[in-house]
Amino acid sequence: LNRRGFANYICCPDNRCGWVMLCSECDAAMVLHLTRTKLGGVVRCHHCLAEQRLPSECPQCAKRVNTFGLGTQRVEAELSRVFPQLVEGSTMLRVDSDTMRTGKDYFRALDAFAKGEARVLLGTQMLAKGHDFPGVRLVGVVHADTALHMPDFRAAERTFQLVSQVAGRAGRPGEGASQGRVIVQTMNPGSPAIRLAASHDYHAFAKQELDIRRNAALPPYGRMARIVVRDADAGEAMAHGRAVAAALRNALLAVQPHAPADPRQSIRIRGPMPCALSRVAGQHRIAVEVLAPNAGAIQTLLTACRNEGLIKSDAHTAVDIDPVAML
């Protein structure tokens, strides 16, 4: 399950109240992490790392709060309930960034699993890649849709990669090998990313995904630059974003005075617009995106902005060429 913690949605049970626990510095929900040292656990923001005690009551109506959603800690608790013979930290190991603090922790866990001392490994995508254990008979992918509906054109690609990679851990050849079974939990069983990953049909998925990218002129059939401006004041951030977008569009008139006959060969400027994660650590984030058929066109537009002093390498501006994440 590619999500840490115990619950990722903390709210008031009364729908008339509607309170949800959000980070005070980010536009993101707080995540409950159970701890052995603090009664009831702590809630933590996975973006700015702010942390506080879990409130027992809704601050608006004083009703007892509810915790919904799931993370690796909840899966661990459920496995302990269903299989009491599993011992947390011994025959069942949780492998995520909360438990694997150093490289030694990580390799110690894998070594215990290879020797058969640990019978179950559960964790985030840290478990998906590069492991070759011949005795693995069962792999479970819990809530495979976690990344499928992210506002990112690579969401299907990443979901296919993750499911395909983790499914490949079962039934590996070698001494002690046995037939493997993979169970994928999903609310979208018809999604090509899920269906083709389950059957390890990379060629069919790649063909379908590349057709979509070609028609939309998205990478790898085009180049992209993403400029993200940040400011503690939302109005200032948007004003800066508008100035960047205006400079890019003015420069575009010199590079592309007329729209090409094939729209896939055109240079497109999108924004300014709030990022999907519109505020992180108190900074409002506004994005401007440039899509072009080649790198030279993007370089020309960015140079024009740089000459006007609108793009600087500082805490308020970030330029990402061919970004791998769109949040």
C-alpha atoms as a PDB file:
ATOM      1  CA  LEU A   1       0.000   0.000   0.000  1.00  0.00           C
ATOM      2  CA  ASN A   2       1.681   3.174  -1.152  1.00  0.00           C
ATOM      3  CA  ARG A   3       0.555   5.262   1.807  1.00  0.00           C
ATOM      4  CA  ARG A   4       2.109   5.592   5.254  1.00  0.00           C
ATOM      5  CA  GLY A   5       0.398   5.999   8.585  1.00  0.00           C
ATOM      6  CA  PHE A   6      -2.836   4.669  10.042  1.00  0.00           C
ATOM      7  CA  ALA A   7      -5.575   6.967   8.700  1.00  0.00           C
ATOM      8  CA  ASN A   8      -5.461   9.825   6.222  1.00  0.00           C
ATOM      9  CA  TYR A   9      -8.818  11.476   6.956  1.00  0.00           C
ATOM     10  CA  ILE A  10      -9.666  12.912  10.372  1.00  0.00           C
ATOM     11  CA  CYS A  11     -13.059  14.549  10.684  1.00  0.00           C
ATOM     12  CA  CYS A  12     -16.124  15.318  12.773  1.00  0.00           C
ATOM     13  CA  PRO A  13     -18.761  12.546  12.637  1.00  0.00           C
ATOM     14  CA  ASP A  14     -21.557  15.126  12.321  1.00  0.00           C
ATOM     15  CA  ASN A  15     -22.096  16.093   8.676  1.00  0.00           C
ATOM     16  CA  ARG A  16     -23.809  19.290   9.817  1.00  0.00           C
ATOM     17  CA  CYS A  17     -20.510  20.401  11.321  1.00  0.00           C
ATOM     18  CA  GLY A  18     -18.260  19.339   8.423  1.00  0.00           C
ATOM     19  CA  TRP A  19     -14.931  19.873  10.201  1.00  0.00           C
ATOM     20  CA  VAL A  20     -11.940  18.113   8.609  1.00  0.00           C
ATOM     21  CA  MET A  21      -8.451  18.267  10.046  1.00  0.00           C
ATOM     22  CA  LEU A  22      -6.181  20.007   7.560  1.00  0.00           C
ATOM     23  CA  CYS A  23      -2.603  21.191   7.913  1.00  0.00           C
ATOM     24  CA  SER A  24      -2.494  24.846   8.936  1.00  0.00           C
ATOM     25  CA  GLU A  25       0.398  25.484   6.534  1.00  0.00           C
ATOM     26  CA  CYS A  26      -0.523  23.254   3.577  1.00  0.00           C
ATOM     27  CA  ASP A  27      -3.652  22.525   1.563  1.00  0.00           C
ATOM     28  CA  ALA A  28      -3.510  18.879   2.577  1.00  0.00           C
ATOM     29  CA  ALA A  29      -5.152  16.619   5.123  1.00  0.00           C
ATOM     30  CA  MET A  30      -3.273  15.541   8.218  1.00  0.00           C
ATOM     31  CA  VAL A  31      -2.387  11.857   8.584  1.00  0.00           C
ATOM     32  CA  LEU A  32      -2.732   9.880  11.797  1.00  0.00           C
ATOM     33  CA  HIS A  33       0.351   7.922  12.883  1.00  0.00           C
ATOM     34  CA  LEU A  34       0.059   5.600  15.861  1.00  0.00           C
ATOM     35  CA  THR A  35       3.010   5.762  18.228  1.00  0.00           C
ATOM     36  CA  ARG A  36       4.155   3.726  21.187  1.00  0.00           C
ATOM     37  CA  THR A  37       5.179   6.765  23.200  1.00  0.00           C
ATOM     38  CA  LYS A  38       2.232   9.169  22.794  1.00  0.00           C
ATOM     39  CA  LEU A  39      -1.251   8.129  23.805  1.00  0.00           C
ATOM     40  CA  GLY A  40      -3.601   8.020  20.840  1.00  0.00           C
ATOM     41  CA  GLY A  41      -0.897   8.817  18.303  1.00  0.00           C
ATOM     42  CA  VAL A  42       0.061  11.975  16.443  1.00  0.00           C
ATOM     43  CA  VAL A  43      -1.198  13.639  13.307  1.00  0.00           C
ATOM     44  CA  ARG A  44       1.413  14.663  10.795  1.00  0.00           C
ATOM     45  CA  CYS A  45       1.557  16.578   7.527  1.00  0.00           C
ATOM     46  CA  HIS A  46       3.503  14.607   4.941  1.00  0.00           C
ATOM     47  CA  HIS A  47       4.470  17.804   3.107  1.00  0.00           C
ATOM     48  CA  CYS A  48       5.763  20.281   5.702  1.00  0.00           C
ATOM     49  CA  LEU A  49       6.207  17.641   8.468  1.00  0.00           C
ATOM     50  CA  ALA A  50       4.167  19.627  11.005  1.00  0.00           C
ATOM     51  CA  GLU A  51       3.063  17.385  13.865  1.00  0.00           C
ATOM     52  CA  GLN A  52       0.648  17.569  16.808  1.00  0.00           C
ATOM     53  CA  ARG A  53      -1.356  15.334  19.115  1.00  0.00           C
ATOM     54  CA  LEU A  54      -4.515  13.723  17.791  1.00  0.00           C
ATOM     55  CA  PRO A  55      -7.448  15.768  19.122  1.00  0.00           C
ATOM     56  CA  SER A  56     -10.039  13.717  20.986  1.00  0.00           C
ATOM     57  CA  GLU A  57     -12.886  16.087  20.151  1.00  0.00           C
ATOM     58  CA  CYS A  58     -13.997  18.200  17.210  1.00  0.00           C
ATOM     59  CA  PRO A  59     -12.856  21.791  17.918  1.00  0.00           C
ATOM     60  CA  GLN A  60     -16.142  23.153  16.528  1.00  0.00           C
ATOM     61  CA  CYS A  61     -18.815  20.975  18.121  1.00  0.00           C
ATOM     62  CA  ALA A  62     -16.934  18.855  20.706  1.00  0.00           C
ATOM     63  CA  LYS A  63     -18.023  15.497  19.238  1.00  0.00           C
ATOM     64  CA  ARG A  64     -15.499  12.678  19.280  1.00  0.00           C
ATOM     65  CA  VAL A  65     -13.446  12.711  16.058  1.00  0.00           C
ATOM     66  CA  ASN A  66     -13.519   9.924  13.490  1.00  0.00           C
ATOM     67  CA  THR A  67     -10.493   8.579  11.633  1.00  0.00           C
ATOM     68  CA  PHE A  68     -10.988   7.151   8.152  1.00  0.00           C
ATOM     69  CA  GLY A  69      -8.775   5.931   5.352  1.00  0.00           C
ATOM     70  CA  LEU A  70      -5.848   3.604   5.540  1.00  0.00           C
ATOM     71  CA  GLY A  71      -2.100   3.377   5.541  1.00  0.00           C
ATOM     72  CA  THR A  72       0.548   0.772   6.194  1.00  0.00           C
ATOM     73  CA  GLN A  73      -0.032   0.949   9.959  1.00  0.00           C
ATOM     74  CA  ARG A  74      -3.708   0.064   9.536  1.00  0.00           C
ATOM     75  CA  VAL A  75      -2.806  -2.873   7.280  1.00  0.00           C
ATOM     76  CA  GLU A  76      -0.356  -4.014   9.941  1.00  0.00           C
ATOM     77  CA  ALA A  77      -3.065  -3.838  12.621  1.00  0.00           C
ATOM     78  CA  GLU A  78      -5.532  -5.745  10.439  1.00  0.00           C
ATOM     79  CA  LEU A  79      -3.024  -8.499   9.678  1.00  0.00           C
ATOM     80  CA  SER A  80      -2.286  -8.829  13.399  1.00  0.00           C
ATOM     81  CA  ARG A  81      -6.008  -9.185  14.101  1.00  0.00           C
ATOM     82  CA  VAL A  82      -6.657 -11.774  11.377  1.00  0.00           C
ATOM     83  CA  PHE A  83      -3.402 -13.694  11.883  1.00  0.00           C
ATOM     84  CA  PRO A  84      -2.543 -13.531  15.613  1.00  0.00           C
ATOM     85  CA  GLN A  85       0.450 -15.820  15.038  1.00  0.00           C
ATOM     86  CA  LEU A  86       2.212 -12.929  13.264  1.00  0.00           C
ATOM     87  CA  VAL A  87       4.365 -10.867  15.605  1.00  0.00           C
ATOM     88  CA  GLU A  88       4.947  -7.228  14.687  1.00  0.00           C
ATOM     89  CA  GLY A  89       8.648  -6.500  14.337  1.00  0.00           C
ATOM     90  CA  SER A  90       9.543 -10.192  14.236  1.00  0.00           C
ATOM     91  CA  THR A  91       7.627 -12.496  11.914  1.00  0.00           C
ATOM     92  CA  MET A  92       5.891  -9.500  10.313  1.00  0.00           C
ATOM     93  CA  LEU A  93       7.919  -6.453   9.331  1.00  0.00           C
ATOM     94  CA  ARG A  94       6.662  -3.098   8.128  1.00  0.00           C
ATOM     95  CA  VAL A  95       8.910  -1.532   5.520  1.00  0.00           C
ATOM     96  CA  ASP A  96       8.245   2.177   5.025  1.00  0.00           C
ATOM     97  CA  SER A  97      10.074   5.418   5.750  1.00  0.00           C
ATOM     98  CA  ASP A  98       8.623   5.486   9.281  1.00  0.00           C
ATOM     99  CA  THR A  99      10.297   2.210  10.279  1.00  0.00           C
ATOM    100  CA  MET A 100      13.333   2.118   7.969  1.00  0.00           C
ATOM    101  CA  ARG A 101      15.318   5.014   9.392  1.00  0.00           C
ATOM    102  CA  THR A 102      18.678   3.944   7.973  1.00  0.00           C
ATOM    103  CA  GLY A 103      19.999   1.680   5.249  1.00  0.00           C
ATOM    104  CA  LYS A 104      20.931  -0.849   7.930  1.00  0.00           C
ATOM    105  CA  ASP A 105      17.289  -1.115   9.031  1.00  0.00           C
ATOM    106  CA  TYR A 106      16.224  -1.786   5.452  1.00  0.00           C
ATOM    107  CA  PHE A 107      18.820  -4.459   4.729  1.00  0.00           C
ATOM    108  CA  ARG A 108      18.242  -6.070   8.134  1.00  0.00           C
ATOM    109  CA  ALA A 109      14.542  -6.474   7.295  1.00  0.00           C
ATOM    110  CA  LEU A 110      15.260  -7.951   3.861  1.00  0.00           C
ATOM    111  CA  ASP A 111      17.830 -10.330   5.352  1.00  0.00           C
ATOM    112  CA  ALA A 112      15.314 -11.558   7.952  1.00  0.00           C
ATOM    113  CA  PHE A 113      12.784 -12.190   5.186  1.00  0.00           C
ATOM    114  CA  ALA A 114      15.317 -14.014   3.010  1.00  0.00           C
ATOM    115  CA  LYS A 115      16.192 -16.320   5.933  1.00  0.00           C
ATOM    116  CA  GLY A 116      12.533 -17.054   6.641  1.00  0.00           C
ATOM    117  CA  GLU A 117      12.613 -15.413  10.067  1.00  0.00           C
ATOM    118  CA  ALA A 118      10.066 -12.851   8.860  1.00  0.00           C
ATOM    119  CA  ARG A 119       7.118 -14.427   7.062  1.00  0.00           C
ATOM    120  CA  VAL A 120       5.370 -11.251   5.935  1.00  0.00           C
ATOM    121  CA  LEU A 121       6.673  -7.962   4.633  1.00  0.00           C
ATOM    122  CA  LEU A 122       4.250  -5.068   4.291  1.00  0.00           C
ATOM    123  CA  GLY A 123       5.011  -1.562   3.246  1.00  0.00           C
ATOM    124  CA  THR A 124       4.983   1.141   0.607  1.00  0.00           C
ATOM    125  CA  GLN A 125       6.544   1.078  -2.858  1.00  0.00           C
ATOM    126  CA  MET A 126       9.901   0.474  -1.180  1.00  0.00           C
ATOM    127  CA  LEU A 127       8.918  -3.203  -1.474  1.00  0.00           C
ATOM    128  CA  ALA A 128       8.120  -3.102  -5.173  1.00  0.00           C
ATOM    129  CA  LYS A 129      11.485  -2.908  -6.854  1.00  0.00           C
ATOM    130  CA  GLY A 130      14.618  -4.961  -7.162  1.00  0.00           C
ATOM    131  CA  HIS A 131      13.914  -7.835  -4.765  1.00  0.00           C
ATOM    132  CA  ASP A 132      14.382 -11.474  -5.759  1.00  0.00           C
ATOM    133  CA  PHE A 133      13.139 -13.940  -3.120  1.00  0.00           C
ATOM    134  CA  PRO A 134      12.362 -17.390  -4.553  1.00  0.00           C
ATOM    135  CA  GLY A 135      10.061 -18.450  -1.711  1.00  0.00           C
ATOM    136  CA  VAL A 136       7.452 -15.715  -2.104  1.00  0.00           C
ATOM    137  CA  ARG A 137       4.063 -17.331  -2.758  1.00  0.00           C
ATOM    138  CA  LEU A 138       1.669 -14.424  -2.294  1.00  0.00           C
ATOM    139  CA  VAL A 139       1.737 -10.720  -3.123  1.00  0.00           C
ATOM    140  CA  GLY A 140      -1.135  -8.433  -2.228  1.00  0.00           C
ATOM    141  CA  VAL A 141      -1.544  -4.945  -3.660  1.00  0.00           C
ATOM    142  CA  VAL A 142      -3.817  -3.005  -1.322  1.00  0.00           C
ATOM    143  CA  HIS A 143      -5.786  -0.161  -2.925  1.00  0.00           C
ATOM    144  CA  ALA A 144      -3.910  -0.100  -6.217  1.00  0.00           C
ATOM    145  CA  ASP A 145      -5.829   3.053  -7.209  1.00  0.00           C
ATOM    146  CA  THR A 146      -3.900   5.303  -4.800  1.00  0.00           C
ATOM    147  CA  ALA A 147      -1.960   6.974  -7.625  1.00  0.00           C
ATOM    148  CA  LEU A 148      -4.297   6.235 -10.535  1.00  0.00           C
ATOM    149  CA  HIS A 149      -6.381   9.406 -10.281  1.00  0.00           C
ATOM    150  CA  MET A 150      -3.630  11.867  -9.430  1.00  0.00           C
ATOM    151  CA  PRO A 151      -3.783  15.074 -11.513  1.00  0.00           C
ATOM    152  CA  ASP A 152      -0.738  14.007 -13.507  1.00  0.00           C
ATOM    153  CA  PHE A 153      -0.596  12.722 -17.073  1.00  0.00           C
ATOM    154  CA  ARG A 154       1.822  10.007 -15.901  1.00  0.00           C
ATOM    155  CA  ALA A 155      -0.617   8.628 -13.311  1.00  0.00           C
ATOM    156  CA  ALA A 156      -1.586   5.557 -15.367  1.00  0.00           C
ATOM    157  CA  GLU A 157       2.053   4.887 -16.246  1.00  0.00           C
ATOM    158  CA  ARG A 158       3.135   4.988 -12.603  1.00  0.00           C
ATOM    159  CA  THR A 159       0.259   2.767 -11.524  1.00  0.00           C
ATOM    160  CA  PHE A 160       1.150   0.211 -14.204  1.00  0.00           C
ATOM    161  CA  GLN A 161       4.802   0.273 -13.158  1.00  0.00           C
ATOM    162  CA  LEU A 162       4.031  -0.179  -9.470  1.00  0.00           C
ATOM    163  CA  VAL A 163       1.497  -2.989  -9.860  1.00  0.00           C
ATOM    164  CA  SER A 164       3.591  -4.786 -12.454  1.00  0.00           C
ATOM    165  CA  GLN A 165       6.769  -4.538 -10.400  1.00  0.00           C
ATOM    166  CA  VAL A 166       5.308  -5.667  -7.104  1.00  0.00           C
ATOM    167  CA  ALA A 167       3.369  -8.480  -8.789  1.00  0.00           C
ATOM    168  CA  GLY A 168       6.636  -9.728 -10.222  1.00  0.00           C
ATOM    169  CA  ARG A 169       7.940 -10.493  -6.720  1.00  0.00           C
ATOM    170  CA  ALA A 170       5.783 -13.662  -6.475  1.00  0.00           C
ATOM    171  CA  GLY A 171       6.762 -16.998  -7.980  1.00  0.00           C
ATOM    172  CA  ARG A 172      10.381 -16.105  -8.706  1.00  0.00           C
ATOM    173  CA  PRO A 173      12.502 -18.971 -10.070  1.00  0.00           C
ATOM    174  CA  GLY A 174      15.170 -20.537  -7.902  1.00  0.00           C
ATOM    175  CA  GLU A 175      15.648 -22.888  -4.985  1.00  0.00           C
ATOM    176  CA  GLY A 176      12.508 -23.133  -2.903  1.00  0.00           C
ATOM    177  CA  ALA A 177      10.440 -21.506  -5.622  1.00  0.00           C
ATOM    178  CA  SER A 178       6.738 -22.246  -5.886  1.00  0.00           C
ATOM    179  CA  GLN A 179       3.831 -21.024  -7.907  1.00  0.00           C
ATOM    180  CA  GLY A 180       2.986 -17.466  -6.961  1.00  0.00           C
ATOM    181  CA  ARG A 181      -0.351 -15.723  -6.603  1.00  0.00           C
ATOM    182  CA  VAL A 182      -0.974 -12.000  -6.878  1.00  0.00           C
ATOM    183  CA  ILE A 183      -4.142 -10.334  -5.561  1.00  0.00           C
ATOM    184  CA  VAL A 184      -4.784  -6.747  -6.639  1.00  0.00           C
ATOM    185  CA  GLN A 185      -7.428  -4.734  -4.780  1.00  0.00           C
ATOM    186  CA  THR A 186      -8.943  -2.024  -6.961  1.00  0.00           C
ATOM    187  CA  MET A 187     -12.109  -0.022  -7.494  1.00  0.00           C
ATOM    188  CA  ASN A 188     -11.229   0.193 -11.205  1.00  0.00           C
ATOM    189  CA  PRO A 189     -10.728  -3.383 -12.429  1.00  0.00           C
ATOM    190  CA  GLY A 190     -11.337  -2.309 -16.028  1.00  0.00           C
ATOM    191  CA  SER A 191      -8.578   0.307 -16.039  1.00  0.00           C
ATOM    192  CA  PRO A 192      -5.865  -0.626 -18.571  1.00  0.00           C
ATOM    193  CA  ALA A 193      -3.178   0.291 -16.049  1.00  0.00           C
ATOM    194  CA  ILE A 194      -4.540  -2.304 -13.609  1.00  0.00           C
ATOM    195  CA  ARG A 195      -5.735  -4.960 -16.064  1.00  0.00           C
ATOM    196  CA  LEU A 196      -2.613  -5.013 -18.241  1.00  0.00           C
ATOM    197  CA  ALA A 197      -0.247  -4.809 -15.263  1.00  0.00           C
ATOM    198  CA  ALA A 198      -1.956  -7.857 -13.734  1.00  0.00           C
ATOM    199  CA  SER A 199      -1.305  -9.785 -16.957  1.00  0.00           C
ATOM    200  CA  HIS A 200       2.224  -8.316 -17.375  1.00  0.00           C
ATOM    201  CA  ASP A 201       1.276  -7.074 -20.850  1.00  0.00           C
ATOM    202  CA  TYR A 202       3.709  -4.192 -21.127  1.00  0.00           C
ATOM    203  CA  HIS A 203       3.517  -3.907 -24.933  1.00  0.00           C
ATOM    204  CA  ALA A 204      -0.270  -3.461 -24.986  1.00  0.00           C
ATOM    205  CA  PHE A 205      -0.150  -0.832 -22.240  1.00  0.00           C
ATOM    206  CA  ALA A 206       2.761   1.046 -23.820  1.00  0.00           C
ATOM    207  CA  LYS A 207       1.030   1.152 -27.204  1.00  0.00           C
ATOM    208  CA  GLN A 208      -2.198   2.492 -25.725  1.00  0.00           C
ATOM    209  CA  GLU A 209      -0.483   5.038 -23.490  1.00  0.00           C
ATOM    210  CA  LEU A 210       1.822   6.256 -26.263  1.00  0.00           C
ATOM    211  CA  ASP A 211      -1.149   6.779 -28.571  1.00  0.00           C
ATOM    212  CA  ILE A 212      -2.729   9.033 -25.926  1.00  0.00           C
ATOM    213  CA  ARG A 213       0.510  10.963 -25.455  1.00  0.00           C
ATOM    214  CA  ARG A 214       0.973  11.374 -29.214  1.00  0.00           C
ATOM    215  CA  ASN A 215      -2.533  12.740 -29.727  1.00  0.00           C
ATOM    216  CA  ALA A 216      -2.099  15.181 -26.838  1.00  0.00           C
ATOM    217  CA  ALA A 217       1.486  16.124 -27.837  1.00  0.00           C
ATOM    218  CA  LEU A 218       2.706  15.217 -24.360  1.00  0.00           C
ATOM    219  CA  PRO A 219       6.138  13.773 -23.534  1.00  0.00           C
ATOM    220  CA  PRO A 220       7.769  11.811 -25.060  1.00  0.00           C
ATOM    221  CA  TYR A 221       6.219  13.360 -28.212  1.00  0.00           C
ATOM    222  CA  GLY A 222       6.893  16.882 -27.002  1.00  0.00           C
ATOM    223  CA  ARG A 223       8.871  18.773 -24.416  1.00  0.00           C
ATOM    224  CA  MET A 224       7.549  20.474 -21.314  1.00  0.00           C
ATOM    225  CA  ALA A 225       8.676  23.140 -18.902  1.00  0.00           C
ATOM    226  CA  ARG A 226       6.861  23.922 -15.672  1.00  0.00           C
ATOM    227  CA  ILE A 227       7.412  27.190 -13.830  1.00  0.00           C
ATOM    228  CA  VAL A 228       6.117  27.262 -10.260  1.00  0.00           C
ATOM    229  CA  VAL A 229       6.096  30.574  -8.393  1.00  0.00           C
ATOM    230  CA  ARG A 230       5.682  30.670  -4.624  1.00  0.00           C
ATOM    231  CA  ASP A 231       4.732  33.395  -2.184  1.00  0.00           C
ATOM    232  CA  ALA A 232       3.248  33.625   1.297  1.00  0.00           C
ATOM    233  CA  ASP A 233       0.633  36.000  -0.131  1.00  0.00           C
ATOM    234  CA  ALA A 234      -1.805  34.359  -2.569  1.00  0.00           C
ATOM    235  CA  GLY A 235      -2.342  37.592  -4.510  1.00  0.00           C
ATOM    236  CA  GLU A 236       1.397  38.164  -4.953  1.00  0.00           C
ATOM    237  CA  ALA A 237       1.879  34.593  -6.137  1.00  0.00           C
ATOM    238  CA  MET A 238      -0.881  34.922  -8.743  1.00  0.00           C
ATOM    239  CA  ALA A 239       0.420  38.324  -9.890  1.00  0.00           C
ATOM    240  CA  HIS A 240       3.888  36.850 -10.392  1.00  0.00           C
ATOM    241  CA  GLY A 241       2.370  33.918 -12.277  1.00  0.00           C
ATOM    242  CA  ARG A 242       0.432  36.276 -14.566  1.00  0.00           C
ATOM    243  CA  ALA A 243       3.589  38.253 -15.303  1.00  0.00           C
ATOM    244  CA  VAL A 244       5.489  35.077 -16.213  1.00  0.00           C
ATOM    245  CA  ALA A 245       2.657  33.844 -18.440  1.00  0.00           C
ATOM    246  CA  ALA A 246       2.366  37.238 -20.167  1.00  0.00           C
ATOM    247  CA  ALA A 247       6.105  37.357 -20.886  1.00  0.00           C
ATOM    248  CA  LEU A 248       6.007  33.830 -22.282  1.00  0.00           C
ATOM    249  CA  ARG A 249       3.065  34.655 -24.545  1.00  0.00           C
ATOM    250  CA  ASN A 250       4.759  37.827 -25.789  1.00  0.00           C
ATOM    251  CA  ALA A 251       7.898  35.844 -26.608  1.00  0.00           C
ATOM    252  CA  LEU A 252       5.756  33.216 -28.288  1.00  0.00           C
ATOM    253  CA  LEU A 253       4.558  35.752 -30.888  1.00  0.00           C
ATOM    254  CA  ALA A 254       8.130  36.077 -32.131  1.00  0.00           C
ATOM    255  CA  VAL A 255       8.727  32.332 -32.204  1.00  0.00           C
ATOM    256  CA  GLN A 256       5.331  31.270 -33.539  1.00  0.00           C
ATOM    257  CA  PRO A 257       3.396  34.170 -35.113  1.00  0.00           C
ATOM    258  CA  HIS A 258       0.867  31.810 -36.694  1.00  0.00           C
ATOM    259  CA  ALA A 259      -0.604  28.576 -35.392  1.00  0.00           C
ATOM    260  CA  PRO A 260       0.755  25.501 -37.263  1.00  0.00           C
ATOM    261  CA  ALA A 261      -1.650  23.462 -39.366  1.00  0.00           C
ATOM    262  CA  ASP A 262      -0.981  20.471 -37.102  1.00  0.00           C
ATOM    263  CA  PRO A 263      -1.903  21.544 -33.551  1.00  0.00           C
ATOM    264  CA  ARG A 264       0.513  18.940 -32.203  1.00  0.00           C
ATOM    265  CA  GLN A 265       3.364  21.057 -33.605  1.00  0.00           C
ATOM    266  CA  SER A 266       2.228  24.202 -31.826  1.00  0.00           C
ATOM    267  CA  ILE A 267       3.726  25.749 -28.718  1.00  0.00           C
ATOM    268  CA  ARG A 268       1.191  25.939 -25.906  1.00  0.00           C
ATOM    269  CA  ILE A 269       1.269  27.980 -22.731  1.00  0.00           C
ATOM    270  CA  ARG A 270      -1.072  26.978 -19.925  1.00  0.00           C
ATOM    271  CA  GLY A 271      -1.763  29.048 -16.855  1.00  0.00           C
ATOM    272  CA  PRO A 272      -1.250  30.731 -14.545  1.00  0.00           C
ATOM    273  CA  MET A 273      -3.179  28.301 -12.368  1.00  0.00           C
ATOM    274  CA  PRO A 274      -2.977  27.031  -8.794  1.00  0.00           C
ATOM    275  CA  CYS A 275      -0.944  23.845  -8.460  1.00  0.00           C
ATOM    276  CA  ALA A 276      -2.795  20.672  -7.522  1.00  0.00           C
ATOM    277  CA  LEU A 277      -1.151  21.094  -4.111  1.00  0.00           C
ATOM    278  CA  SER A 278      -1.801  24.819  -3.985  1.00  0.00           C
ATOM    279  CA  ARG A 279      -0.051  25.629  -0.678  1.00  0.00           C
ATOM    280  CA  VAL A 280       2.932  23.961   0.994  1.00  0.00           C
ATOM    281  CA  ALA A 281       4.674  25.185   4.160  1.00  0.00           C
ATOM    282  CA  GLY A 282       2.749  28.459   4.045  1.00  0.00           C
ATOM    283  CA  GLN A 283       3.727  29.196   0.439  1.00  0.00           C
ATOM    284  CA  HIS A 284       0.996  29.576  -2.199  1.00  0.00           C
ATOM    285  CA  ARG A 285       2.002  27.872  -5.453  1.00  0.00           C
ATOM    286  CA  ILE A 286       1.046  28.999  -8.970  1.00  0.00           C
ATOM    287  CA  ALA A 287       2.087  27.066 -12.075  1.00  0.00           C
ATOM    288  CA  VAL A 288       2.667  28.052 -15.693  1.00  0.00           C
ATOM    289  CA  GLU A 289       3.308  25.243 -18.168  1.00  0.00           C
ATOM    290  CA  VAL A 290       4.952  25.396 -21.581  1.00  0.00           C
ATOM    291  CA  LEU A 291       4.536  22.545 -24.064  1.00  0.00           C
ATOM    292  CA  ALA A 292       6.502  22.559 -27.313  1.00  0.00           C
ATOM    293  CA  PRO A 293       7.549  20.095 -30.030  1.00  0.00           C
ATOM    294  CA  ASN A 294      11.254  20.634 -29.283  1.00  0.00           C
ATOM    295  CA  ALA A 295      13.598  21.871 -26.586  1.00  0.00           C
ATOM    296  CA  GLY A 296      14.814  24.860 -28.596  1.00  0.00           C
ATOM    297  CA  ALA A 297      11.426  26.588 -28.511  1.00  0.00           C
ATOM    298  CA  ILE A 298      11.185  26.186 -24.737  1.00  0.00           C
ATOM    299  CA  GLN A 299      14.706  27.523 -24.273  1.00  0.00           C
ATOM    300  CA  THR A 300      13.875  30.624 -26.330  1.00  0.00           C
ATOM    301  CA  LEU A 301      10.775  31.407 -24.282  1.00  0.00           C
ATOM    302  CA  LEU A 302      12.496  30.846 -20.950  1.00  0.00           C
ATOM    303  CA  THR A 303      15.411  33.063 -22.026  1.00  0.00           C
ATOM    304  CA  ALA A 304      12.971  35.894 -22.763  1.00  0.00           C
ATOM    305  CA  CYS A 305      11.478  35.561 -19.275  1.00  0.00           C
ATOM    306  CA  ARG A 306      14.899  35.400 -17.702  1.00  0.00           C
ATOM    307  CA  ASN A 307      15.979  38.567 -19.503  1.00  0.00           C
ATOM    308  CA  GLU A 308      12.980  40.369 -17.983  1.00  0.00           C
ATOM    309  CA  GLY A 309      13.986  39.199 -14.502  1.00  0.00           C
ATOM    310  CA  LEU A 310      10.837  37.121 -14.037  1.00  0.00           C
ATOM    311  CA  ILE A 311      12.584  33.780 -13.680  1.00  0.00           C
ATOM    312  CA  LYS A 312      15.301  33.506 -11.060  1.00  0.00           C
ATOM    313  CA  SER A 313      16.734  30.555  -9.227  1.00  0.00           C
ATOM    314  CA  ASP A 314      15.495  31.476  -5.780  1.00  0.00           C
ATOM    315  CA  ALA A 315      13.015  30.471  -3.099  1.00  0.00           C
ATOM    316  CA  HIS A 316      10.124  32.054  -5.006  1.00  0.00           C
ATOM    317  CA  THR A 317      10.574  30.457  -8.425  1.00  0.00           C
ATOM    318  CA  ALA A 318      11.283  26.935  -9.618  1.00  0.00           C
ATOM    319  CA  VAL A 319      11.750  25.882 -13.248  1.00  0.00           C
ATOM    320  CA  ASP A 320      11.357  22.197 -13.975  1.00  0.00           C
ATOM    321  CA  ILE A 321      12.267  20.996 -17.467  1.00  0.00           C
ATOM    322  CA  ASP A 322      10.470  17.787 -18.464  1.00  0.00           C
ATOM    323  CA  PRO A 323       8.977  17.432 -14.963  1.00  0.00           C
ATOM    324  CA  VAL A 324       8.463  13.940 -13.596  1.00  0.00           C
ATOM    325  CA  ALA A 325       5.813  15.054 -11.076  1.00  0.00           C
ATOM    326  CA  MET A 326       2.988  17.535 -11.595  1.00  0.00           C
ATOM    327  CA  LEU A 327       1.796  18.132  -8.024  1.00  0.00           C
END
